[in-house]
Amino acid sequence: MAGTVAEKGPTGAAGEQPSTVAVYILGKKYKVPGQLTIQKAMEYAGYQLIRGCGCRGGICGACGTVYRLPGSYRIQVGLACQTIVQDEMYIAQIPFFPANKAVYDLTEMTPAGETVAGLYPEIFKCFGCNTCTKSCPMDIDVMEYVAQAIRGNVSKAAELSFDCVMCGLCTARCPGELAQYQTAILCRRLYGKYLTPKSAHVDEAVDTVASGKFAGKLKELMDADLGELKKRYVARQVEPDMAEETWKPAKREDF
């Protein structure tokens, strides 16, 4: 977000409130409510976020942030959408980190350690400082999945890195200059294409669609006017958020 925000002037309530804290954004001091995340604090201070604000829920990894607190030598990192502001916090956003990104054709690869090592040989520079793990906002054991990649265990590296949101904070802090998150997504792609057991029910569903079973209903929807579509949308049966895997809709005559 640094260099990709437009300052418009404070938009918060007039006067400082007892719960406010001081934060420094692009070197300038602002007073903001202490319960806000860094992202919301920037907006409160009058900045319009035009990059690095993605999902706002800790999923997209676009809002990587570096900050330092007074009286501490430590450089700390987090996601701006999750990290709560603290008094006298100095903030710098890094929505993109220029790490090594290999170019490859997944269809012409083998799911082996030499494949990963060939594209990201810098993984062997890892000396186990664990800075990457300490930097991860998703609490992933980054050093361990790198170790698994070094050993050629693609499946384990994919499993351990499953929750990675590609924010790049591990790479930004790595003294060995590894591209941990790029290595991780390569392992997950190899695992997904070559090592994950095939799902019979997915093949069955694809065959059912290909047979034209739903063609009539699809045409009916495509021919319906906007009012009818809205009516059907409102009346549809929605799967509960916490539904069991065995959940099925009450009406299945069309399926």
C-alpha atoms as a PDB file:
ATOM      1  CA  MET A   1       0.000   0.000   0.000  1.00  0.00           C
ATOM      2  CA  ALA A   2       2.967   2.339   0.390  1.00  0.00           C
ATOM      3  CA  GLY A   3       2.983   4.539  -2.661  1.00  0.00           C
ATOM      4  CA  THR A   4      -0.410   3.248  -3.720  1.00  0.00           C
ATOM      5  CA  VAL A   5      -2.669   5.236  -1.410  1.00  0.00           C
ATOM      6  CA  ALA A   6      -4.133   8.666  -1.861  1.00  0.00           C
ATOM      7  CA  GLU A   7      -4.238  10.942   1.198  1.00  0.00           C
ATOM      8  CA  LYS A   8      -7.537  12.778   1.526  1.00  0.00           C
ATOM      9  CA  GLY A   9      -7.349  14.147   5.074  1.00  0.00           C
ATOM     10  CA  PRO A  10      -8.702  12.846   8.416  1.00  0.00           C
ATOM     11  CA  THR A  11     -12.268  11.596   8.379  1.00  0.00           C
ATOM     12  CA  GLY A  12     -12.640  10.556  12.009  1.00  0.00           C
ATOM     13  CA  ALA A  13     -14.724  12.242  14.683  1.00  0.00           C
ATOM     14  CA  ALA A  14     -13.647  15.730  15.709  1.00  0.00           C
ATOM     15  CA  GLY A  15     -11.305  15.845  18.706  1.00  0.00           C
ATOM     16  CA  GLU A  16      -9.191  13.091  20.242  1.00  0.00           C
ATOM     17  CA  GLN A  17     -10.953  10.396  22.225  1.00  0.00           C
ATOM     18  CA  PRO A  18      -9.524   8.741  25.349  1.00  0.00           C
ATOM     19  CA  SER A  19      -9.180   5.441  23.473  1.00  0.00           C
ATOM     20  CA  THR A  20      -7.091   6.821  20.639  1.00  0.00           C
ATOM     21  CA  VAL A  21      -3.499   5.850  19.884  1.00  0.00           C
ATOM     22  CA  ALA A  22      -0.799   7.462  17.780  1.00  0.00           C
ATOM     23  CA  VAL A  23       0.353   5.703  14.626  1.00  0.00           C
ATOM     24  CA  TYR A  24       2.771   6.754  11.902  1.00  0.00           C
ATOM     25  CA  ILE A  25       1.652   6.140   8.319  1.00  0.00           C
ATOM     26  CA  LEU A  26       4.134   7.036   5.560  1.00  0.00           C
ATOM     27  CA  GLY A  27       6.064   8.928   8.226  1.00  0.00           C
ATOM     28  CA  LYS A  28       3.138  11.117   9.291  1.00  0.00           C
ATOM     29  CA  LYS A  29       1.545  10.931  12.750  1.00  0.00           C
ATOM     30  CA  TYR A  30      -2.194  10.279  13.170  1.00  0.00           C
ATOM     31  CA  LYS A  31      -4.496   9.719  16.125  1.00  0.00           C
ATOM     32  CA  VAL A  32      -6.841   6.777  15.557  1.00  0.00           C
ATOM     33  CA  PRO A  33      -9.158   4.624  17.703  1.00  0.00           C
ATOM     34  CA  GLY A  34      -7.125   1.953  19.448  1.00  0.00           C
ATOM     35  CA  GLN A  35      -9.420  -0.920  18.528  1.00  0.00           C
ATOM     36  CA  LEU A  36      -8.921  -0.605  14.778  1.00  0.00           C
ATOM     37  CA  THR A  37      -6.865  -2.829  12.532  1.00  0.00           C
ATOM     38  CA  ILE A  38      -4.019  -1.179  10.635  1.00  0.00           C
ATOM     39  CA  GLN A  39      -6.113  -1.252   7.477  1.00  0.00           C
ATOM     40  CA  LYS A  40      -9.101   0.446   9.098  1.00  0.00           C
ATOM     41  CA  ALA A  41      -6.831   2.911  10.864  1.00  0.00           C
ATOM     42  CA  MET A  42      -5.427   4.036   7.521  1.00  0.00           C
ATOM     43  CA  GLU A  43      -8.937   4.635   6.225  1.00  0.00           C
ATOM     44  CA  TYR A  44      -9.871   6.447   9.441  1.00  0.00           C
ATOM     45  CA  ALA A  45      -6.847   8.698   8.903  1.00  0.00           C
ATOM     46  CA  GLY A  46      -8.185   9.601   5.473  1.00  0.00           C
ATOM     47  CA  TYR A  47      -6.324   7.275   3.138  1.00  0.00           C
ATOM     48  CA  GLN A  48      -8.119   5.590   0.263  1.00  0.00           C
ATOM     49  CA  LEU A  49      -6.731   2.101  -0.238  1.00  0.00           C
ATOM     50  CA  ILE A  50      -6.430   1.311  -3.922  1.00  0.00           C
ATOM     51  CA  ARG A  51      -4.038  -1.633  -3.684  1.00  0.00           C
ATOM     52  CA  GLY A  52      -3.125  -4.188  -1.058  1.00  0.00           C
ATOM     53  CA  CYS A  53      -6.590  -4.324   0.514  1.00  0.00           C
ATOM     54  CA  GLY A  54      -7.988  -7.513  -1.115  1.00  0.00           C
ATOM     55  CA  CYS A  55     -10.225  -9.713   0.995  1.00  0.00           C
ATOM     56  CA  ARG A  56      -9.933  -7.872   4.338  1.00  0.00           C
ATOM     57  CA  GLY A  57     -10.254 -11.226   6.074  1.00  0.00           C
ATOM     58  CA  GLY A  58      -6.752 -12.692   6.280  1.00  0.00           C
ATOM     59  CA  ILE A  59      -7.162 -14.852   3.183  1.00  0.00           C
ATOM     60  CA  CYS A  60      -5.668 -13.083   0.158  1.00  0.00           C
ATOM     61  CA  GLY A  61      -2.325 -12.102   1.728  1.00  0.00           C
ATOM     62  CA  ALA A  62      -2.243  -8.764  -0.099  1.00  0.00           C
ATOM     63  CA  CYS A  63      -1.743  -6.506   2.925  1.00  0.00           C
ATOM     64  CA  GLY A  64       1.643  -7.557   4.251  1.00  0.00           C
ATOM     65  CA  THR A  65       2.844  -4.978   6.782  1.00  0.00           C
ATOM     66  CA  VAL A  66       6.073  -4.221   8.602  1.00  0.00           C
ATOM     67  CA  TYR A  67       5.973  -2.233  11.827  1.00  0.00           C
ATOM     68  CA  ARG A  68       8.070  -1.262  14.794  1.00  0.00           C
ATOM     69  CA  LEU A  69       7.017  -0.294  18.319  1.00  0.00           C
ATOM     70  CA  PRO A  70       8.794   2.259  20.543  1.00  0.00           C
ATOM     71  CA  GLY A  71      11.471   0.953  22.866  1.00  0.00           C
ATOM     72  CA  SER A  72      11.928  -2.241  20.869  1.00  0.00           C
ATOM     73  CA  TYR A  73      14.653  -3.180  18.392  1.00  0.00           C
ATOM     74  CA  ARG A  74      12.386  -5.768  16.774  1.00  0.00           C
ATOM     75  CA  ILE A  75      10.947  -5.400  13.303  1.00  0.00           C
ATOM     76  CA  GLN A  76       7.526  -7.040  13.412  1.00  0.00           C
ATOM     77  CA  VAL A  77       5.257  -8.175  10.609  1.00  0.00           C
ATOM     78  CA  GLY A  78       1.577  -8.968  10.133  1.00  0.00           C
ATOM     79  CA  LEU A  79      -1.397  -8.559   7.846  1.00  0.00           C
ATOM     80  CA  ALA A  80      -2.922  -5.077   7.949  1.00  0.00           C
ATOM     81  CA  CYS A  81      -6.451  -6.509   7.965  1.00  0.00           C
ATOM     82  CA  GLN A  82      -5.758  -8.508  11.142  1.00  0.00           C
ATOM     83  CA  THR A  83      -3.162  -6.563  13.142  1.00  0.00           C
ATOM     84  CA  ILE A  84      -4.547  -4.146  15.738  1.00  0.00           C
ATOM     85  CA  VAL A  85      -2.835  -0.767  16.020  1.00  0.00           C
ATOM     86  CA  GLN A  86      -0.724   0.048  19.064  1.00  0.00           C
ATOM     87  CA  ASP A  87       0.401   3.382  20.419  1.00  0.00           C
ATOM     88  CA  GLU A  88       3.383   4.936  18.611  1.00  0.00           C
ATOM     89  CA  MET A  89       3.413   2.197  15.977  1.00  0.00           C
ATOM     90  CA  TYR A  90       5.486   2.958  12.872  1.00  0.00           C
ATOM     91  CA  ILE A  91       3.895   1.270   9.867  1.00  0.00           C
ATOM     92  CA  ALA A  92       5.100   0.372   6.370  1.00  0.00           C
ATOM     93  CA  GLN A  93       3.108  -1.688   3.866  1.00  0.00           C
ATOM     94  CA  ILE A  94       4.645  -4.169   1.418  1.00  0.00           C
ATOM     95  CA  PRO A  95       1.796  -5.391  -0.822  1.00  0.00           C
ATOM     96  CA  PHE A  96       4.331  -6.945  -3.198  1.00  0.00           C
ATOM     97  CA  PHE A  97       7.746  -8.434  -2.545  1.00  0.00           C
ATOM     98  CA  PRO A  98       9.924  -9.121  -5.608  1.00  0.00           C
ATOM     99  CA  ALA A  99      10.900 -12.713  -4.859  1.00  0.00           C
ATOM    100  CA  ASN A 100      12.078 -15.290  -7.373  1.00  0.00           C
ATOM    101  CA  LYS A 101       9.078 -16.672  -9.268  1.00  0.00           C
ATOM    102  CA  ALA A 102       9.936 -19.567 -11.566  1.00  0.00           C
ATOM    103  CA  VAL A 103       8.110 -20.100 -14.843  1.00  0.00           C
ATOM    104  CA  TYR A 104       7.017 -23.675 -15.527  1.00  0.00           C
ATOM    105  CA  ASP A 105       4.501 -25.887 -17.308  1.00  0.00           C
ATOM    106  CA  LEU A 106       2.824 -28.084 -14.718  1.00  0.00           C
ATOM    107  CA  THR A 107       1.757 -30.615 -17.347  1.00  0.00           C
ATOM    108  CA  GLU A 108       5.375 -31.390 -18.208  1.00  0.00           C
ATOM    109  CA  MET A 109       6.671 -31.925 -14.678  1.00  0.00           C
ATOM    110  CA  THR A 110       7.142 -34.784 -12.252  1.00  0.00           C
ATOM    111  CA  PRO A 111       6.148 -34.511  -8.565  1.00  0.00           C
ATOM    112  CA  ALA A 112       9.638 -35.055  -7.220  1.00  0.00           C
ATOM    113  CA  GLY A 113      12.183 -33.256  -5.092  1.00  0.00           C
ATOM    114  CA  GLU A 114      14.487 -32.612  -8.027  1.00  0.00           C
ATOM    115  CA  THR A 115      11.679 -30.700  -9.758  1.00  0.00           C
ATOM    116  CA  VAL A 116      11.348 -28.326  -6.807  1.00  0.00           C
ATOM    117  CA  ALA A 117      15.122 -28.042  -6.394  1.00  0.00           C
ATOM    118  CA  GLY A 118      15.599 -27.311 -10.077  1.00  0.00           C
ATOM    119  CA  LEU A 119      13.201 -24.366 -10.014  1.00  0.00           C
ATOM    120  CA  TYR A 120      14.048 -23.061  -6.555  1.00  0.00           C
ATOM    121  CA  PRO A 121      17.648 -24.132  -5.814  1.00  0.00           C
ATOM    122  CA  GLU A 122      17.919 -21.406  -3.176  1.00  0.00           C
ATOM    123  CA  ILE A 123      16.016 -23.640  -0.734  1.00  0.00           C
ATOM    124  CA  PHE A 124      19.367 -25.283   0.016  1.00  0.00           C
ATOM    125  CA  LYS A 125      20.596 -21.980   1.417  1.00  0.00           C
ATOM    126  CA  CYS A 126      18.237 -22.390   4.380  1.00  0.00           C
ATOM    127  CA  PHE A 127      20.256 -22.597   7.607  1.00  0.00           C
ATOM    128  CA  GLY A 128      17.339 -23.158   9.964  1.00  0.00           C
ATOM    129  CA  CYS A 129      17.065 -19.781  11.681  1.00  0.00           C
ATOM    130  CA  ASN A 130      13.259 -20.116  11.801  1.00  0.00           C
ATOM    131  CA  THR A 131      12.726 -16.404  11.031  1.00  0.00           C
ATOM    132  CA  CYS A 132      10.232 -17.437   8.332  1.00  0.00           C
ATOM    133  CA  THR A 133       8.051 -19.325  10.803  1.00  0.00           C
ATOM    134  CA  LYS A 134       8.147 -16.439  13.276  1.00  0.00           C
ATOM    135  CA  SER A 135       7.083 -14.049  10.493  1.00  0.00           C
ATOM    136  CA  CYS A 136       4.103 -16.077   9.270  1.00  0.00           C
ATOM    137  CA  PRO A 137       0.716 -14.485  10.119  1.00  0.00           C
ATOM    138  CA  MET A 138      -0.989 -17.858   9.540  1.00  0.00           C
ATOM    139  CA  ASP A 139       1.120 -19.682  12.159  1.00  0.00           C
ATOM    140  CA  ILE A 140       2.529 -22.075   9.560  1.00  0.00           C
ATOM    141  CA  ASP A 141       5.714 -23.994  10.321  1.00  0.00           C
ATOM    142  CA  VAL A 142       7.438 -22.505   7.283  1.00  0.00           C
ATOM    143  CA  MET A 143      10.908 -23.787   8.106  1.00  0.00           C
ATOM    144  CA  GLU A 144       9.585 -27.330   8.361  1.00  0.00           C
ATOM    145  CA  TYR A 145       7.835 -27.321   4.984  1.00  0.00           C
ATOM    146  CA  VAL A 146      11.025 -25.932   3.442  1.00  0.00           C
ATOM    147  CA  ALA A 147      12.921 -28.772   5.107  1.00  0.00           C
ATOM    148  CA  GLN A 148      10.460 -31.257   3.605  1.00  0.00           C
ATOM    149  CA  ALA A 149      10.936 -29.686   0.173  1.00  0.00           C
ATOM    150  CA  ILE A 150      14.704 -30.024   0.571  1.00  0.00           C
ATOM    151  CA  ARG A 151      14.224 -33.706   1.409  1.00  0.00           C
ATOM    152  CA  GLY A 152      12.099 -34.132  -1.702  1.00  0.00           C
ATOM    153  CA  ASN A 153       8.901 -34.848   0.234  1.00  0.00           C
ATOM    154  CA  VAL A 154       6.513 -32.895  -1.991  1.00  0.00           C
ATOM    155  CA  SER A 155       3.389 -34.299  -0.321  1.00  0.00           C
ATOM    156  CA  LYS A 156       4.450 -33.258   3.175  1.00  0.00           C
ATOM    157  CA  ALA A 157       5.574 -29.815   2.009  1.00  0.00           C
ATOM    158  CA  ALA A 158       2.172 -29.329   0.366  1.00  0.00           C
ATOM    159  CA  GLU A 159       0.338 -30.459   3.487  1.00  0.00           C
ATOM    160  CA  LEU A 160       2.295 -28.226   5.869  1.00  0.00           C
ATOM    161  CA  SER A 161       1.949 -25.164   3.619  1.00  0.00           C
ATOM    162  CA  PHE A 162      -1.768 -25.634   2.917  1.00  0.00           C
ATOM    163  CA  ASP A 163      -2.847 -22.474   4.802  1.00  0.00           C
ATOM    164  CA  CYS A 164      -0.286 -20.191   3.113  1.00  0.00           C
ATOM    165  CA  VAL A 165      -1.880 -16.958   1.831  1.00  0.00           C
ATOM    166  CA  MET A 166       1.152 -15.942  -0.286  1.00  0.00           C
ATOM    167  CA  CYS A 167       1.737 -12.696   1.621  1.00  0.00           C
ATOM    168  CA  GLY A 168       5.513 -12.983   1.192  1.00  0.00           C
ATOM    169  CA  LEU A 169       6.396 -11.898   4.730  1.00  0.00           C
ATOM    170  CA  CYS A 170       8.529 -15.027   5.210  1.00  0.00           C
ATOM    171  CA  THR A 171      10.603 -14.148   2.158  1.00  0.00           C
ATOM    172  CA  ALA A 172      10.864 -10.484   3.128  1.00  0.00           C
ATOM    173  CA  ARG A 173      12.509 -11.481   6.426  1.00  0.00           C
ATOM    174  CA  CYS A 174      14.612 -14.445   5.233  1.00  0.00           C
ATOM    175  CA  PRO A 175      18.395 -13.899   5.567  1.00  0.00           C
ATOM    176  CA  GLY A 176      18.954 -16.731   3.077  1.00  0.00           C
ATOM    177  CA  GLU A 177      16.775 -14.952   0.496  1.00  0.00           C
ATOM    178  CA  LEU A 178      14.552 -17.982  -0.113  1.00  0.00           C
ATOM    179  CA  ALA A 179      11.212 -17.729  -1.895  1.00  0.00           C
ATOM    180  CA  GLN A 180       9.435 -19.942   0.628  1.00  0.00           C
ATOM    181  CA  TYR A 181       5.874 -19.224  -0.429  1.00  0.00           C
ATOM    182  CA  GLN A 182       6.664 -19.741  -4.125  1.00  0.00           C
ATOM    183  CA  THR A 183       8.222 -23.099  -3.292  1.00  0.00           C
ATOM    184  CA  ALA A 184       5.140 -23.977  -1.253  1.00  0.00           C
ATOM    185  CA  ILE A 185       2.633 -23.278  -4.004  1.00  0.00           C
ATOM    186  CA  LEU A 186       4.724 -25.306  -6.456  1.00  0.00           C
ATOM    187  CA  CYS A 187       4.552 -28.273  -4.071  1.00  0.00           C
ATOM    188  CA  ARG A 188       0.789 -27.852  -3.671  1.00  0.00           C
ATOM    189  CA  ARG A 189       0.299 -27.687  -7.431  1.00  0.00           C
ATOM    190  CA  LEU A 190       2.388 -30.818  -7.969  1.00  0.00           C
ATOM    191  CA  TYR A 191       0.508 -32.574  -5.199  1.00  0.00           C
ATOM    192  CA  GLY A 192      -2.880 -31.537  -6.543  1.00  0.00           C
ATOM    193  CA  LYS A 193      -2.157 -32.641 -10.099  1.00  0.00           C
ATOM    194  CA  TYR A 194      -0.141 -35.792  -9.578  1.00  0.00           C
ATOM    195  CA  LEU A 195      -0.353 -37.107  -6.014  1.00  0.00           C
ATOM    196  CA  THR A 196      -3.887 -36.436  -4.745  1.00  0.00           C
ATOM    197  CA  PRO A 197      -6.077 -39.551  -5.002  1.00  0.00           C
ATOM    198  CA  LYS A 198      -8.648 -39.217  -7.764  1.00  0.00           C
ATOM    199  CA  SER A 199     -12.201 -38.535  -6.651  1.00  0.00           C
ATOM    200  CA  ALA A 200     -14.708 -40.924  -8.221  1.00  0.00           C
ATOM    201  CA  HIS A 201     -17.718 -38.737  -7.376  1.00  0.00           C
ATOM    202  CA  VAL A 202     -16.209 -35.789  -9.262  1.00  0.00           C
ATOM    203  CA  ASP A 203     -15.816 -37.903 -12.411  1.00  0.00           C
ATOM    204  CA  GLU A 204     -19.399 -39.076 -11.961  1.00  0.00           C
ATOM    205  CA  ALA A 205     -20.649 -35.501 -11.665  1.00  0.00           C
ATOM    206  CA  VAL A 206     -18.713 -34.446 -14.776  1.00  0.00           C
ATOM    207  CA  ASP A 207     -20.201 -37.336 -16.745  1.00  0.00           C
ATOM    208  CA  THR A 208     -23.695 -36.400 -15.540  1.00  0.00           C
ATOM    209  CA  VAL A 209     -23.282 -32.827 -16.750  1.00  0.00           C
ATOM    210  CA  ALA A 210     -21.852 -34.023 -20.066  1.00  0.00           C
ATOM    211  CA  SER A 211     -24.867 -36.313 -20.562  1.00  0.00           C
ATOM    212  CA  GLY A 212     -27.129 -33.246 -20.811  1.00  0.00           C
ATOM    213  CA  LYS A 213     -29.218 -34.058 -17.766  1.00  0.00           C
ATOM    214  CA  PHE A 214     -29.313 -30.422 -16.683  1.00  0.00           C
ATOM    215  CA  ALA A 215     -29.610 -28.878 -20.147  1.00  0.00           C
ATOM    216  CA  GLY A 216     -33.361 -28.351 -19.872  1.00  0.00           C
ATOM    217  CA  LYS A 217     -33.196 -26.634 -16.491  1.00  0.00           C
ATOM    218  CA  LEU A 218     -30.265 -24.497 -17.606  1.00  0.00           C
ATOM    219  CA  LYS A 219     -32.167 -23.320 -20.684  1.00  0.00           C
ATOM    220  CA  GLU A 220     -35.182 -22.578 -18.506  1.00  0.00           C
ATOM    221  CA  LEU A 221     -33.068 -20.302 -16.319  1.00  0.00           C
ATOM    222  CA  MET A 222     -31.412 -18.622 -19.288  1.00  0.00           C
ATOM    223  CA  ASP A 223     -34.806 -17.865 -20.827  1.00  0.00           C
ATOM    224  CA  ALA A 224     -36.303 -16.504 -17.576  1.00  0.00           C
ATOM    225  CA  ASP A 225     -36.656 -12.761 -17.092  1.00  0.00           C
ATOM    226  CA  LEU A 226     -34.917 -10.843 -14.313  1.00  0.00           C
ATOM    227  CA  GLY A 227     -37.965 -10.862 -12.032  1.00  0.00           C
ATOM    228  CA  GLU A 228     -38.278 -14.644 -12.198  1.00  0.00           C
ATOM    229  CA  LEU A 229     -34.568 -15.097 -11.522  1.00  0.00           C
ATOM    230  CA  LYS A 230     -34.768 -12.851  -8.452  1.00  0.00           C
ATOM    231  CA  LYS A 231     -37.786 -14.786  -7.199  1.00  0.00           C
ATOM    232  CA  ARG A 232     -36.023 -18.112  -7.579  1.00  0.00           C
ATOM    233  CA  TYR A 233     -32.881 -16.768  -5.992  1.00  0.00           C
ATOM    234  CA  VAL A 234     -34.719 -15.602  -2.876  1.00  0.00           C
ATOM    235  CA  ALA A 235     -36.677 -18.866  -2.625  1.00  0.00           C
ATOM    236  CA  ARG A 236     -33.670 -21.143  -3.102  1.00  0.00           C
ATOM    237  CA  GLN A 237     -32.618 -23.506  -0.344  1.00  0.00           C
ATOM    238  CA  VAL A 238     -29.261 -22.410   1.016  1.00  0.00           C
ATOM    239  CA  GLU A 239     -26.814 -24.870   2.497  1.00  0.00           C
ATOM    240  CA  PRO A 240     -26.209 -24.016   6.208  1.00  0.00           C
ATOM    241  CA  ASP A 241     -22.810 -22.554   7.040  1.00  0.00           C
ATOM    242  CA  MET A 242     -22.026 -25.377   9.450  1.00  0.00           C
ATOM    243  CA  ALA A 243     -23.659 -28.198   7.509  1.00  0.00           C
ATOM    244  CA  GLU A 244     -22.403 -31.754   7.861  1.00  0.00           C
ATOM    245  CA  GLU A 245     -20.719 -33.369   4.876  1.00  0.00           C
ATOM    246  CA  THR A 246     -23.789 -35.568   4.441  1.00  0.00           C
ATOM    247  CA  TRP A 247     -26.126 -32.558   4.018  1.00  0.00           C
ATOM    248  CA  LYS A 248     -28.491 -32.708   1.054  1.00  0.00           C
ATOM    249  CA  PRO A 249     -31.196 -30.260  -0.091  1.00  0.00           C
ATOM    250  CA  ALA A 250     -34.772 -31.181   0.776  1.00  0.00           C
ATOM    251  CA  LYS A 251     -35.869 -31.100  -2.870  1.00  0.00           C
ATOM    252  CA  ARG A 252     -33.753 -33.246  -5.140  1.00  0.00           C
ATOM    253  CA  GLU A 253     -36.196 -34.079  -7.912  1.00  0.00           C
ATOM    254  CA  ASP A 254     -34.164 -32.028 -10.377  1.00  0.00           C
ATOM    255  CA  PHE A 255     -30.933 -33.724  -9.439  1.00  0.00           C
END
